[in-house]
Amino acid sequence: INIQMNYWPTQPTNLSPCHLPMVEY
């Protein structure tokens, strides 16, 4: 649950660039 929850807000709050480190990880 934990690491995924950290990134739940990135897309709906329009912070897509902040999502890329997770995707690359």
mmCIF file of all heavy atoms, coordinates in Angstrom:
data_MODEL
# 
_entry.id   MODEL 
# 
loop_
_atom_site.group_PDB 
_atom_site.id 
_atom_site.type_symbol 
_atom_site.label_atom_id 
_atom_site.label_alt_id 
_atom_site.label_comp_id 
_atom_site.label_asym_id 
_atom_site.label_entity_id 
_atom_site.label_seq_id 
_atom_site.pdbx_PDB_ins_code 
_atom_site.Cartn_x 
_atom_site.Cartn_y 
_atom_site.Cartn_z 
_atom_site.occupancy 
_atom_site.B_iso_or_equiv 
_atom_site.pdbx_formal_charge 
_atom_site.auth_seq_id 
_atom_site.auth_comp_id 
_atom_site.auth_asym_id 
_atom_site.auth_atom_id 
_atom_site.pdbx_PDB_model_num 
ATOM 1   N N   . ILE A 1 1  ? 0.825  -1.206 0.000   1.00 0.00 ? 1  ILE A N   1 
ATOM 2   C CA  . ILE A 1 1  ? 0.000  0.000  0.000   1.00 0.00 ? 1  ILE A CA  1 
ATOM 3   C C   . ILE A 1 1  ? 0.857  1.254  0.000   1.00 0.00 ? 1  ILE A C   1 
ATOM 4   O O   . ILE A 1 1  ? 0.584  2.220  -0.705  1.00 0.00 ? 1  ILE A O   1 
ATOM 5   C CB  . ILE A 1 1  ? -0.999 0.061  1.190   1.00 0.00 ? 1  ILE A CB  1 
ATOM 6   C CG1 . ILE A 1 1  ? -1.797 1.376  1.175   1.00 0.00 ? 1  ILE A CG1 1 
ATOM 7   C CG2 . ILE A 1 1  ? -0.318 -0.098 2.515   1.00 0.00 ? 1  ILE A CG2 1 
ATOM 8   C CD1 . ILE A 1 1  ? -2.564 1.631  -0.071  1.00 0.00 ? 1  ILE A CD1 1 
ATOM 9   N N   . ASN A 1 2  ? 1.944  1.283  0.781   1.00 0.00 ? 2  ASN A N   1 
ATOM 10  C CA  . ASN A 1 2  ? 2.550  2.541  1.206   1.00 0.00 ? 2  ASN A CA  1 
ATOM 11  C C   . ASN A 1 2  ? 3.189  3.349  0.086   1.00 0.00 ? 2  ASN A C   1 
ATOM 12  O O   . ASN A 1 2  ? 2.896  4.537  -0.082  1.00 0.00 ? 2  ASN A O   1 
ATOM 13  C CB  . ASN A 1 2  ? 3.562  2.278  2.321   1.00 0.00 ? 2  ASN A CB  1 
ATOM 14  C CG  . ASN A 1 2  ? 2.983  1.419  3.416   1.00 0.00 ? 2  ASN A CG  1 
ATOM 15  O OD1 . ASN A 1 2  ? 3.143  0.206  3.391   1.00 0.00 ? 2  ASN A OD1 1 
ATOM 16  N ND2 . ASN A 1 2  ? 2.282  2.014  4.372   1.00 0.00 ? 2  ASN A ND2 1 
ATOM 17  N N   . ILE A 1 3  ? 4.076  2.734  -0.704  1.00 0.00 ? 3  ILE A N   1 
ATOM 18  C CA  . ILE A 1 3  ? 4.727  3.518  -1.758  1.00 0.00 ? 3  ILE A CA  1 
ATOM 19  C C   . ILE A 1 3  ? 3.714  3.935  -2.817  1.00 0.00 ? 3  ILE A C   1 
ATOM 20  O O   . ILE A 1 3  ? 3.777  5.042  -3.363  1.00 0.00 ? 3  ILE A O   1 
ATOM 21  C CB  . ILE A 1 3  ? 5.907  2.750  -2.397  1.00 0.00 ? 3  ILE A CB  1 
ATOM 22  C CG1 . ILE A 1 3  ? 6.662  3.682  -3.361  1.00 0.00 ? 3  ILE A CG1 1 
ATOM 23  C CG2 . ILE A 1 3  ? 5.450  1.471  -3.088  1.00 0.00 ? 3  ILE A CG2 1 
ATOM 24  C CD1 . ILE A 1 3  ? 7.957  3.094  -3.896  1.00 0.00 ? 3  ILE A CD1 1 
ATOM 25  N N   . GLN A 1 4  ? 2.735  3.084  -3.104  1.00 0.00 ? 4  GLN A N   1 
ATOM 26  C CA  . GLN A 1 4  ? 1.728  3.444  -4.108  1.00 0.00 ? 4  GLN A CA  1 
ATOM 27  C C   . GLN A 1 4  ? 0.911  4.651  -3.654  1.00 0.00 ? 4  GLN A C   1 
ATOM 28  O O   . GLN A 1 4  ? 0.651  5.573  -4.440  1.00 0.00 ? 4  GLN A O   1 
ATOM 29  C CB  . GLN A 1 4  ? 0.805  2.255  -4.385  1.00 0.00 ? 4  GLN A CB  1 
ATOM 30  C CG  . GLN A 1 4  ? 1.487  1.067  -5.037  1.00 0.00 ? 4  GLN A CG  1 
ATOM 31  C CD  . GLN A 1 4  ? 1.982  0.050  -4.024  1.00 0.00 ? 4  GLN A CD  1 
ATOM 32  O OE1 . GLN A 1 4  ? 2.257  0.377  -2.866  1.00 0.00 ? 4  GLN A OE1 1 
ATOM 33  N NE2 . GLN A 1 4  ? 2.108  -1.198 -4.456  1.00 0.00 ? 4  GLN A NE2 1 
ATOM 34  N N   . MET A 1 5  ? 0.512  4.653  -2.376  1.00 0.00 ? 5  MET A N   1 
ATOM 35  C CA  . MET A 1 5  ? -0.306 5.750  -1.866  1.00 0.00 ? 5  MET A CA  1 
ATOM 36  C C   . MET A 1 5  ? 0.416  7.086  -1.984  1.00 0.00 ? 5  MET A C   1 
ATOM 37  O O   . MET A 1 5  ? -0.225 8.124  -2.210  1.00 0.00 ? 5  MET A O   1 
ATOM 38  C CB  . MET A 1 5  ? -0.703 5.493  -0.412  1.00 0.00 ? 5  MET A CB  1 
ATOM 39  C CG  . MET A 1 5  ? -1.616 6.560  0.175   1.00 0.00 ? 5  MET A CG  1 
ATOM 40  S SD  . MET A 1 5  ? -2.136 6.266  1.884   1.00 0.00 ? 5  MET A SD  1 
ATOM 41  C CE  . MET A 1 5  ? -3.407 5.038  1.654   1.00 0.00 ? 5  MET A CE  1 
ATOM 42  N N   . ASN A 1 6  ? 1.744  7.079  -1.840  1.00 0.00 ? 6  ASN A N   1 
ATOM 43  C CA  . ASN A 1 6  ? 2.504  8.327  -1.969  1.00 0.00 ? 6  ASN A CA  1 
ATOM 44  C C   . ASN A 1 6  ? 2.250  9.026  -3.296  1.00 0.00 ? 6  ASN A C   1 
ATOM 45  O O   . ASN A 1 6  ? 2.363  10.253 -3.396  1.00 0.00 ? 6  ASN A O   1 
ATOM 46  C CB  . ASN A 1 6  ? 4.005  8.049  -1.846  1.00 0.00 ? 6  ASN A CB  1 
ATOM 47  C CG  . ASN A 1 6  ? 4.423  7.723  -0.436  1.00 0.00 ? 6  ASN A CG  1 
ATOM 48  O OD1 . ASN A 1 6  ? 3.738  8.065  0.521   1.00 0.00 ? 6  ASN A OD1 1 
ATOM 49  N ND2 . ASN A 1 6  ? 5.552  7.051  -0.297  1.00 0.00 ? 6  ASN A ND2 1 
ATOM 50  N N   . TYR A 1 7  ? 1.925  8.253  -4.324  1.00 0.00 ? 7  TYR A N   1 
ATOM 51  C CA  . TYR A 1 7  ? 1.799  8.824  -5.668  1.00 0.00 ? 7  TYR A CA  1 
ATOM 52  C C   . TYR A 1 7  ? 0.356  8.943  -6.149  1.00 0.00 ? 7  TYR A C   1 
ATOM 53  O O   . TYR A 1 7  ? 0.116  9.398  -7.264  1.00 0.00 ? 7  TYR A O   1 
ATOM 54  C CB  . TYR A 1 7  ? 2.647  8.003  -6.657  1.00 0.00 ? 7  TYR A CB  1 
ATOM 55  C CG  . TYR A 1 7  ? 4.117  8.217  -6.407  1.00 0.00 ? 7  TYR A CG  1 
ATOM 56  C CD1 . TYR A 1 7  ? 4.811  7.432  -5.499  1.00 0.00 ? 7  TYR A CD1 1 
ATOM 57  C CD2 . TYR A 1 7  ? 4.796  9.260  -7.028  1.00 0.00 ? 7  TYR A CD2 1 
ATOM 58  C CE1 . TYR A 1 7  ? 6.155  7.666  -5.233  1.00 0.00 ? 7  TYR A CE1 1 
ATOM 59  C CE2 . TYR A 1 7  ? 6.135  9.506  -6.771  1.00 0.00 ? 7  TYR A CE2 1 
ATOM 60  C CZ  . TYR A 1 7  ? 6.801  8.698  -5.866  1.00 0.00 ? 7  TYR A CZ  1 
ATOM 61  O OH  . TYR A 1 7  ? 8.131  8.944  -5.606  1.00 0.00 ? 7  TYR A OH  1 
ATOM 62  N N   . TRP A 1 8  ? -0.607 8.571  -5.320  1.00 0.00 ? 8  TRP A N   1 
ATOM 63  C CA  . TRP A 1 8  ? -2.004 8.719  -5.730  1.00 0.00 ? 8  TRP A CA  1 
ATOM 64  C C   . TRP A 1 8  ? -2.376 10.147 -6.112  1.00 0.00 ? 8  TRP A C   1 
ATOM 65  O O   . TRP A 1 8  ? -3.158 10.356 -7.044  1.00 0.00 ? 8  TRP A O   1 
ATOM 66  C CB  . TRP A 1 8  ? -2.933 8.235  -4.615  1.00 0.00 ? 8  TRP A CB  1 
ATOM 67  C CG  . TRP A 1 8  ? -2.987 6.751  -4.465  1.00 0.00 ? 8  TRP A CG  1 
ATOM 68  C CD1 . TRP A 1 8  ? -2.396 5.801  -5.265  1.00 0.00 ? 8  TRP A CD1 1 
ATOM 69  C CD2 . TRP A 1 8  ? -3.667 6.020  -3.437  1.00 0.00 ? 8  TRP A CD2 1 
ATOM 70  N NE1 . TRP A 1 8  ? -2.665 4.549  -4.802  1.00 0.00 ? 8  TRP A NE1 1 
ATOM 71  C CE2 . TRP A 1 8  ? -3.449 4.644  -3.672  1.00 0.00 ? 8  TRP A CE2 1 
ATOM 72  C CE3 . TRP A 1 8  ? -4.435 6.402  -2.341  1.00 0.00 ? 8  TRP A CE3 1 
ATOM 73  C CZ2 . TRP A 1 8  ? -3.986 3.652  -2.853  1.00 0.00 ? 8  TRP A CZ2 1 
ATOM 74  C CZ3 . TRP A 1 8  ? -4.962 5.408  -1.519  1.00 0.00 ? 8  TRP A CZ3 1 
ATOM 75  C CH2 . TRP A 1 8  ? -4.751 4.048  -1.775  1.00 0.00 ? 8  TRP A CH2 1 
ATOM 76  N N   . PRO A 1 9  ? -1.851 11.181 -5.442  1.00 0.00 ? 9  PRO A N   1 
ATOM 77  C CA  . PRO A 1 9  ? -2.301 12.544 -5.807  1.00 0.00 ? 9  PRO A CA  1 
ATOM 78  C C   . PRO A 1 9  ? -1.668 13.096 -7.071  1.00 0.00 ? 9  PRO A C   1 
ATOM 79  O O   . PRO A 1 9  ? -2.143 14.109 -7.587  1.00 0.00 ? 9  PRO A O   1 
ATOM 80  C CB  . PRO A 1 9  ? -1.870 13.406 -4.602  1.00 0.00 ? 9  PRO A CB  1 
ATOM 81  C CG  . PRO A 1 9  ? -1.227 12.508 -3.613  1.00 0.00 ? 9  PRO A CG  1 
ATOM 82  C CD  . PRO A 1 9  ? -0.947 11.218 -4.273  1.00 0.00 ? 9  PRO A CD  1 
ATOM 83  N N   . THR A 1 10 ? -0.587 12.492 -7.562  1.00 0.00 ? 10 THR A N   1 
ATOM 84  C CA  . THR A 1 10 ? 0.200  13.163 -8.604  1.00 0.00 ? 10 THR A CA  1 
ATOM 85  C C   . THR A 1 10 ? -0.607 13.493 -9.852  1.00 0.00 ? 10 THR A C   1 
ATOM 86  O O   . THR A 1 10 ? -0.504 14.597 -10.384 1.00 0.00 ? 10 THR A O   1 
ATOM 87  C CB  . THR A 1 10 ? 1.427  12.320 -9.001  1.00 0.00 ? 10 THR A CB  1 
ATOM 88  O OG1 . THR A 1 10 ? 1.008  10.982 -9.305  1.00 0.00 ? 10 THR A OG1 1 
ATOM 89  C CG2 . THR A 1 10 ? 2.450  12.292 -7.901  1.00 0.00 ? 10 THR A CG2 1 
ATOM 90  N N   . GLN A 1 11 ? -1.401 12.557 -10.331 1.00 0.00 ? 11 GLN A N   1 
ATOM 91  C CA  . GLN A 1 11 ? -2.133 12.804 -11.571 1.00 0.00 ? 11 GLN A CA  1 
ATOM 92  C C   . GLN A 1 11 ? -3.359 13.699 -11.386 1.00 0.00 ? 11 GLN A C   1 
ATOM 93  O O   . GLN A 1 11 ? -3.488 14.711 -12.085 1.00 0.00 ? 11 GLN A O   1 
ATOM 94  C CB  . GLN A 1 11 ? -2.510 11.473 -12.238 1.00 0.00 ? 11 GLN A CB  1 
ATOM 95  C CG  . GLN A 1 11 ? -1.313 10.646 -12.666 1.00 0.00 ? 11 GLN A CG  1 
ATOM 96  C CD  . GLN A 1 11 ? -0.391 11.382 -13.622 1.00 0.00 ? 11 GLN A CD  1 
ATOM 97  O OE1 . GLN A 1 11 ? -0.817 12.257 -14.384 1.00 0.00 ? 11 GLN A OE1 1 
ATOM 98  N NE2 . GLN A 1 11 ? 0.885  11.038 -13.589 1.00 0.00 ? 11 GLN A NE2 1 
ATOM 99  N N   . PRO A 1 12 ? -4.283 13.398 -10.460 1.00 0.00 ? 12 PRO A N   1 
ATOM 100 C CA  . PRO A 1 12 ? -5.468 14.267 -10.336 1.00 0.00 ? 12 PRO A CA  1 
ATOM 101 C C   . PRO A 1 12 ? -5.141 15.694 -9.919  1.00 0.00 ? 12 PRO A C   1 
ATOM 102 O O   . PRO A 1 12 ? -5.886 16.615 -10.255 1.00 0.00 ? 12 PRO A O   1 
ATOM 103 C CB  . PRO A 1 12 ? -6.339 13.566 -9.290  1.00 0.00 ? 12 PRO A CB  1 
ATOM 104 C CG  . PRO A 1 12 ? -5.441 12.611 -8.592  1.00 0.00 ? 12 PRO A CG  1 
ATOM 105 C CD  . PRO A 1 12 ? -4.397 12.214 -9.579  1.00 0.00 ? 12 PRO A CD  1 
ATOM 106 N N   . THR A 1 13 ? -4.013 15.911 -9.210  1.00 0.00 ? 13 THR A N   1 
ATOM 107 C CA  . THR A 1 13 ? -3.645 17.280 -8.833  1.00 0.00 ? 13 THR A CA  1 
ATOM 108 C C   . THR A 1 13 ? -2.702 17.919 -9.853  1.00 0.00 ? 13 THR A C   1 
ATOM 109 O O   . THR A 1 13 ? -2.130 18.969 -9.593  1.00 0.00 ? 13 THR A O   1 
ATOM 110 C CB  . THR A 1 13 ? -2.995 17.319 -7.438  1.00 0.00 ? 13 THR A CB  1 
ATOM 111 O OG1 . THR A 1 13 ? -1.788 16.555 -7.448  1.00 0.00 ? 13 THR A OG1 1 
ATOM 112 C CG2 . THR A 1 13 ? -3.938 16.784 -6.380  1.00 0.00 ? 13 THR A CG2 1 
ATOM 113 N N   . ASN A 1 14 ? -2.553 17.273 -11.017 1.00 0.00 ? 14 ASN A N   1 
ATOM 114 C CA  . ASN A 1 14 ? -1.832 17.853 -12.151 1.00 0.00 ? 14 ASN A CA  1 
ATOM 115 C C   . ASN A 1 14 ? -0.336 18.045 -11.858 1.00 0.00 ? 14 ASN A C   1 
ATOM 116 O O   . ASN A 1 14 ? 0.253  19.075 -12.175 1.00 0.00 ? 14 ASN A O   1 
ATOM 117 C CB  . ASN A 1 14 ? -2.461 19.192 -12.555 1.00 0.00 ? 14 ASN A CB  1 
ATOM 118 C CG  . ASN A 1 14 ? -2.250 19.493 -14.038 1.00 0.00 ? 14 ASN A CG  1 
ATOM 119 O OD1 . ASN A 1 14 ? -1.508 18.801 -14.723 1.00 0.00 ? 14 ASN A OD1 1 
ATOM 120 N ND2 . ASN A 1 14 ? -2.901 20.542 -14.517 1.00 0.00 ? 14 ASN A ND2 1 
ATOM 121 N N   . LEU A 1 15 ? 0.264  17.017 -11.254 1.00 0.00 ? 15 LEU A N   1 
ATOM 122 C CA  . LEU A 1 15 ? 1.692  17.038 -10.950 1.00 0.00 ? 15 LEU A CA  1 
ATOM 123 C C   . LEU A 1 15 ? 2.398  15.858 -11.634 1.00 0.00 ? 15 LEU A C   1 
ATOM 124 O O   . LEU A 1 15 ? 3.224  15.172 -11.038 1.00 0.00 ? 15 LEU A O   1 
ATOM 125 C CB  . LEU A 1 15 ? 1.917  16.977 -9.439  1.00 0.00 ? 15 LEU A CB  1 
ATOM 126 C CG  . LEU A 1 15 ? 1.421  18.174 -8.634  1.00 0.00 ? 15 LEU A CG  1 
ATOM 127 C CD1 . LEU A 1 15 ? 1.517  17.887 -7.137  1.00 0.00 ? 15 LEU A CD1 1 
ATOM 128 C CD2 . LEU A 1 15 ? 2.225  19.422 -8.972  1.00 0.00 ? 15 LEU A CD2 1 
ATOM 129 N N   . SER A 1 16 ? 2.063  15.628 -12.899 1.00 0.00 ? 16 SER A N   1 
ATOM 130 C CA  . SER A 1 16 ? 2.581  14.462 -13.613 1.00 0.00 ? 16 SER A CA  1 
ATOM 131 C C   . SER A 1 16 ? 4.099  14.299 -13.555 1.00 0.00 ? 16 SER A C   1 
ATOM 132 O O   . SER A 1 16 ? 4.591  13.178 -13.388 1.00 0.00 ? 16 SER A O   1 
ATOM 133 C CB  . SER A 1 16 ? 2.131  14.501 -15.084 1.00 0.00 ? 16 SER A CB  1 
ATOM 134 O OG  . SER A 1 16 ? 0.748  14.237 -15.181 1.00 0.00 ? 16 SER A OG  1 
ATOM 135 N N   . PRO A 1 17 ? 4.901  15.361 -13.691 1.00 0.00 ? 17 PRO A N   1 
ATOM 136 C CA  . PRO A 1 17 ? 6.355  15.164 -13.629 1.00 0.00 ? 17 PRO A CA  1 
ATOM 137 C C   . PRO A 1 17 ? 6.818  14.523 -12.324 1.00 0.00 ? 17 PRO A C   1 
ATOM 138 O O   . PRO A 1 17 ? 7.831  13.816 -12.298 1.00 0.00 ? 17 PRO A O   1 
ATOM 139 C CB  . PRO A 1 17 ? 6.915  16.585 -13.783 1.00 0.00 ? 17 PRO A CB  1 
ATOM 140 C CG  . PRO A 1 17 ? 5.866  17.325 -14.540 1.00 0.00 ? 17 PRO A CG  1 
ATOM 141 C CD  . PRO A 1 17 ? 4.566  16.763 -14.031 1.00 0.00 ? 17 PRO A CD  1 
ATOM 142 N N   . CYS A 1 18 ? 6.069  14.756 -11.241 1.00 0.00 ? 18 CYS A N   1 
ATOM 143 C CA  . CYS A 1 18 ? 6.437  14.172 -9.944  1.00 0.00 ? 18 CYS A CA  1 
ATOM 144 C C   . CYS A 1 18 ? 6.213  12.663 -9.909  1.00 0.00 ? 18 CYS A C   1 
ATOM 145 O O   . CYS A 1 18 ? 6.683  11.979 -8.991  1.00 0.00 ? 18 CYS A O   1 
ATOM 146 C CB  . CYS A 1 18 ? 5.637  14.827 -8.823  1.00 0.00 ? 18 CYS A CB  1 
ATOM 147 S SG  . CYS A 1 18 ? 5.983  16.590 -8.613  1.00 0.00 ? 18 CYS A SG  1 
ATOM 148 N N   . HIS A 1 19 ? 5.502  12.134 -10.899 1.00 0.00 ? 19 HIS A N   1 
ATOM 149 C CA  . HIS A 1 19 ? 5.205  10.705 -10.948 1.00 0.00 ? 19 HIS A CA  1 
ATOM 150 C C   . HIS A 1 19 ? 6.340  9.906  -11.593 1.00 0.00 ? 19 HIS A C   1 
ATOM 151 O O   . HIS A 1 19 ? 6.476  8.700  -11.358 1.00 0.00 ? 19 HIS A O   1 
ATOM 152 C CB  . HIS A 1 19 ? 3.911  10.490 -11.744 1.00 0.00 ? 19 HIS A CB  1 
ATOM 153 C CG  . HIS A 1 19 ? 3.125  9.295  -11.306 1.00 0.00 ? 19 HIS A CG  1 
ATOM 154 N ND1 . HIS A 1 19 ? 1.809  9.111  -11.641 1.00 0.00 ? 19 HIS A ND1 1 
ATOM 155 C CD2 . HIS A 1 19 ? 3.451  8.203  -10.560 1.00 0.00 ? 19 HIS A CD2 1 
ATOM 156 C CE1 . HIS A 1 19 ? 1.367  7.982  -11.132 1.00 0.00 ? 19 HIS A CE1 1 
ATOM 157 N NE2 . HIS A 1 19 ? 2.347  7.405  -10.471 1.00 0.00 ? 19 HIS A NE2 1 
ATOM 158 N N   . LEU A 1 20 ? 7.151  10.567 -12.407 1.00 0.00 ? 20 LEU A N   1 
ATOM 159 C CA  . LEU A 1 20 ? 8.156  9.859  -13.197 1.00 0.00 ? 20 LEU A CA  1 
ATOM 160 C C   . LEU A 1 20 ? 9.208  9.125  -12.368 1.00 0.00 ? 20 LEU A C   1 
ATOM 161 O O   . LEU A 1 20 ? 9.620  8.022  -12.756 1.00 0.00 ? 20 LEU A O   1 
ATOM 162 C CB  . LEU A 1 20 ? 8.823  10.827 -14.179 1.00 0.00 ? 20 LEU A CB  1 
ATOM 163 C CG  . LEU A 1 20 ? 7.891  11.347 -15.282 1.00 0.00 ? 20 LEU A CG  1 
ATOM 164 C CD1 . LEU A 1 20 ? 8.589  12.411 -16.110 1.00 0.00 ? 20 LEU A CD1 1 
ATOM 165 C CD2 . LEU A 1 20 ? 7.425  10.196 -16.175 1.00 0.00 ? 20 LEU A CD2 1 
ATOM 166 N N   . PRO A 1 21 ? 9.681  9.669  -11.227 1.00 0.00 ? 21 PRO A N   1 
ATOM 167 C CA  . PRO A 1 21 ? 10.641 8.890  -10.434 1.00 0.00 ? 21 PRO A CA  1 
ATOM 168 C C   . PRO A 1 21 ? 10.079 7.541  -9.980  1.00 0.00 ? 21 PRO A C   1 
ATOM 169 O O   . PRO A 1 21 ? 10.806 6.550  -9.957  1.00 0.00 ? 21 PRO A O   1 
ATOM 170 C CB  . PRO A 1 21 ? 10.932 9.809  -9.241  1.00 0.00 ? 21 PRO A CB  1 
ATOM 171 C CG  . PRO A 1 21 ? 10.681 11.183 -9.755  1.00 0.00 ? 21 PRO A CG  1 
ATOM 172 C CD  . PRO A 1 21 ? 9.518  11.030 -10.692 1.00 0.00 ? 21 PRO A CD  1 
ATOM 173 N N   . MET A 1 22 ? 8.806  7.493  -9.635  1.00 0.00 ? 22 MET A N   1 
ATOM 174 C CA  . MET A 1 22 ? 8.185  6.236  -9.234  1.00 0.00 ? 22 MET A CA  1 
ATOM 175 C C   . MET A 1 22 ? 8.142  5.263  -10.413 1.00 0.00 ? 22 MET A C   1 
ATOM 176 O O   . MET A 1 22 ? 8.485  4.077  -10.284 1.00 0.00 ? 22 MET A O   1 
ATOM 177 C CB  . MET A 1 22 ? 6.764  6.490  -8.714  1.00 0.00 ? 22 MET A CB  1 
ATOM 178 C CG  . MET A 1 22 ? 5.945  5.256  -8.430  1.00 0.00 ? 22 MET A CG  1 
ATOM 179 S SD  . MET A 1 22 ? 6.657  4.191  -7.153  1.00 0.00 ? 22 MET A SD  1 
ATOM 180 C CE  . MET A 1 22 ? 5.368  2.946  -7.016  1.00 0.00 ? 22 MET A CE  1 
ATOM 181 N N   . VAL A 1 23 ? 7.746  5.756  -11.576 1.00 0.00 ? 23 VAL A N   1 
ATOM 182 C CA  . VAL A 1 23 ? 7.655  4.905  -12.757 1.00 0.00 ? 23 VAL A CA  1 
ATOM 183 C C   . VAL A 1 23 ? 9.030  4.331  -13.115 1.00 0.00 ? 23 VAL A C   1 
ATOM 184 O O   . VAL A 1 23 ? 9.165  3.140  -13.427 1.00 0.00 ? 23 VAL A O   1 
ATOM 185 C CB  . VAL A 1 23 ? 7.065  5.698  -13.943 1.00 0.00 ? 23 VAL A CB  1 
ATOM 186 C CG1 . VAL A 1 23 ? 7.173  4.905  -15.235 1.00 0.00 ? 23 VAL A CG1 1 
ATOM 187 C CG2 . VAL A 1 23 ? 5.606  6.054  -13.657 1.00 0.00 ? 23 VAL A CG2 1 
ATOM 188 N N   . GLU A 1 24 ? 10.044 5.172  -13.055 1.00 0.00 ? 24 GLU A N   1 
ATOM 189 C CA  . GLU A 1 24 ? 11.399 4.710  -13.375 1.00 0.00 ? 24 GLU A CA  1 
ATOM 190 C C   . GLU A 1 24 ? 11.904 3.733  -12.313 1.00 0.00 ? 24 GLU A C   1 
ATOM 191 O O   . GLU A 1 24 ? 12.622 2.782  -12.626 1.00 0.00 ? 24 GLU A O   1 
ATOM 192 C CB  . GLU A 1 24 ? 12.343 5.912  -13.494 1.00 0.00 ? 24 GLU A CB  1 
ATOM 193 C CG  . GLU A 1 24 ? 13.690 5.581  -14.111 1.00 0.00 ? 24 GLU A CG  1 
ATOM 194 C CD  . GLU A 1 24 ? 13.593 4.939  -15.495 1.00 0.00 ? 24 GLU A CD  1 
ATOM 195 O OE1 . GLU A 1 24 ? 12.649 5.258  -16.251 1.00 0.00 ? 24 GLU A OE1 1 
ATOM 196 O OE2 . GLU A 1 24 ? 14.449 4.091  -15.794 1.00 0.00 ? 24 GLU A OE2 1 
ATOM 197 N N   . TYR A 1 25 ? 11.513 3.949  -11.071 1.00 0.00 ? 25 TYR A N   1 
ATOM 198 C CA  . TYR A 1 25 ? 11.879 3.016  -10.010 1.00 0.00 ? 25 TYR A CA  1 
ATOM 199 C C   . TYR A 1 25 ? 11.285 1.632  -10.273 1.00 0.00 ? 25 TYR A C   1 
ATOM 200 O O   . TYR A 1 25 ? 11.957 0.607  -10.101 1.00 0.00 ? 25 TYR A O   1 
ATOM 201 C CB  . TYR A 1 25 ? 11.407 3.542  -8.648  1.00 0.00 ? 25 TYR A CB  1 
ATOM 202 C CG  . TYR A 1 25 ? 11.614 2.556  -7.518  1.00 0.00 ? 25 TYR A CG  1 
ATOM 203 C CD1 . TYR A 1 25 ? 12.899 2.226  -7.093  1.00 0.00 ? 25 TYR A CD1 1 
ATOM 204 C CD2 . TYR A 1 25 ? 10.528 1.930  -6.912  1.00 0.00 ? 25 TYR A CD2 1 
ATOM 205 C CE1 . TYR A 1 25 ? 13.092 1.303  -6.068  1.00 0.00 ? 25 TYR A CE1 1 
ATOM 206 C CE2 . TYR A 1 25 ? 10.718 1.017  -5.894  1.00 0.00 ? 25 TYR A CE2 1 
ATOM 207 C CZ  . TYR A 1 25 ? 11.997 0.704  -5.473  1.00 0.00 ? 25 TYR A CZ  1 
ATOM 208 O OH  . TYR A 1 25 ? 12.196 -0.216 -4.477  1.00 0.00 ? 25 TYR A OH  1 
# 
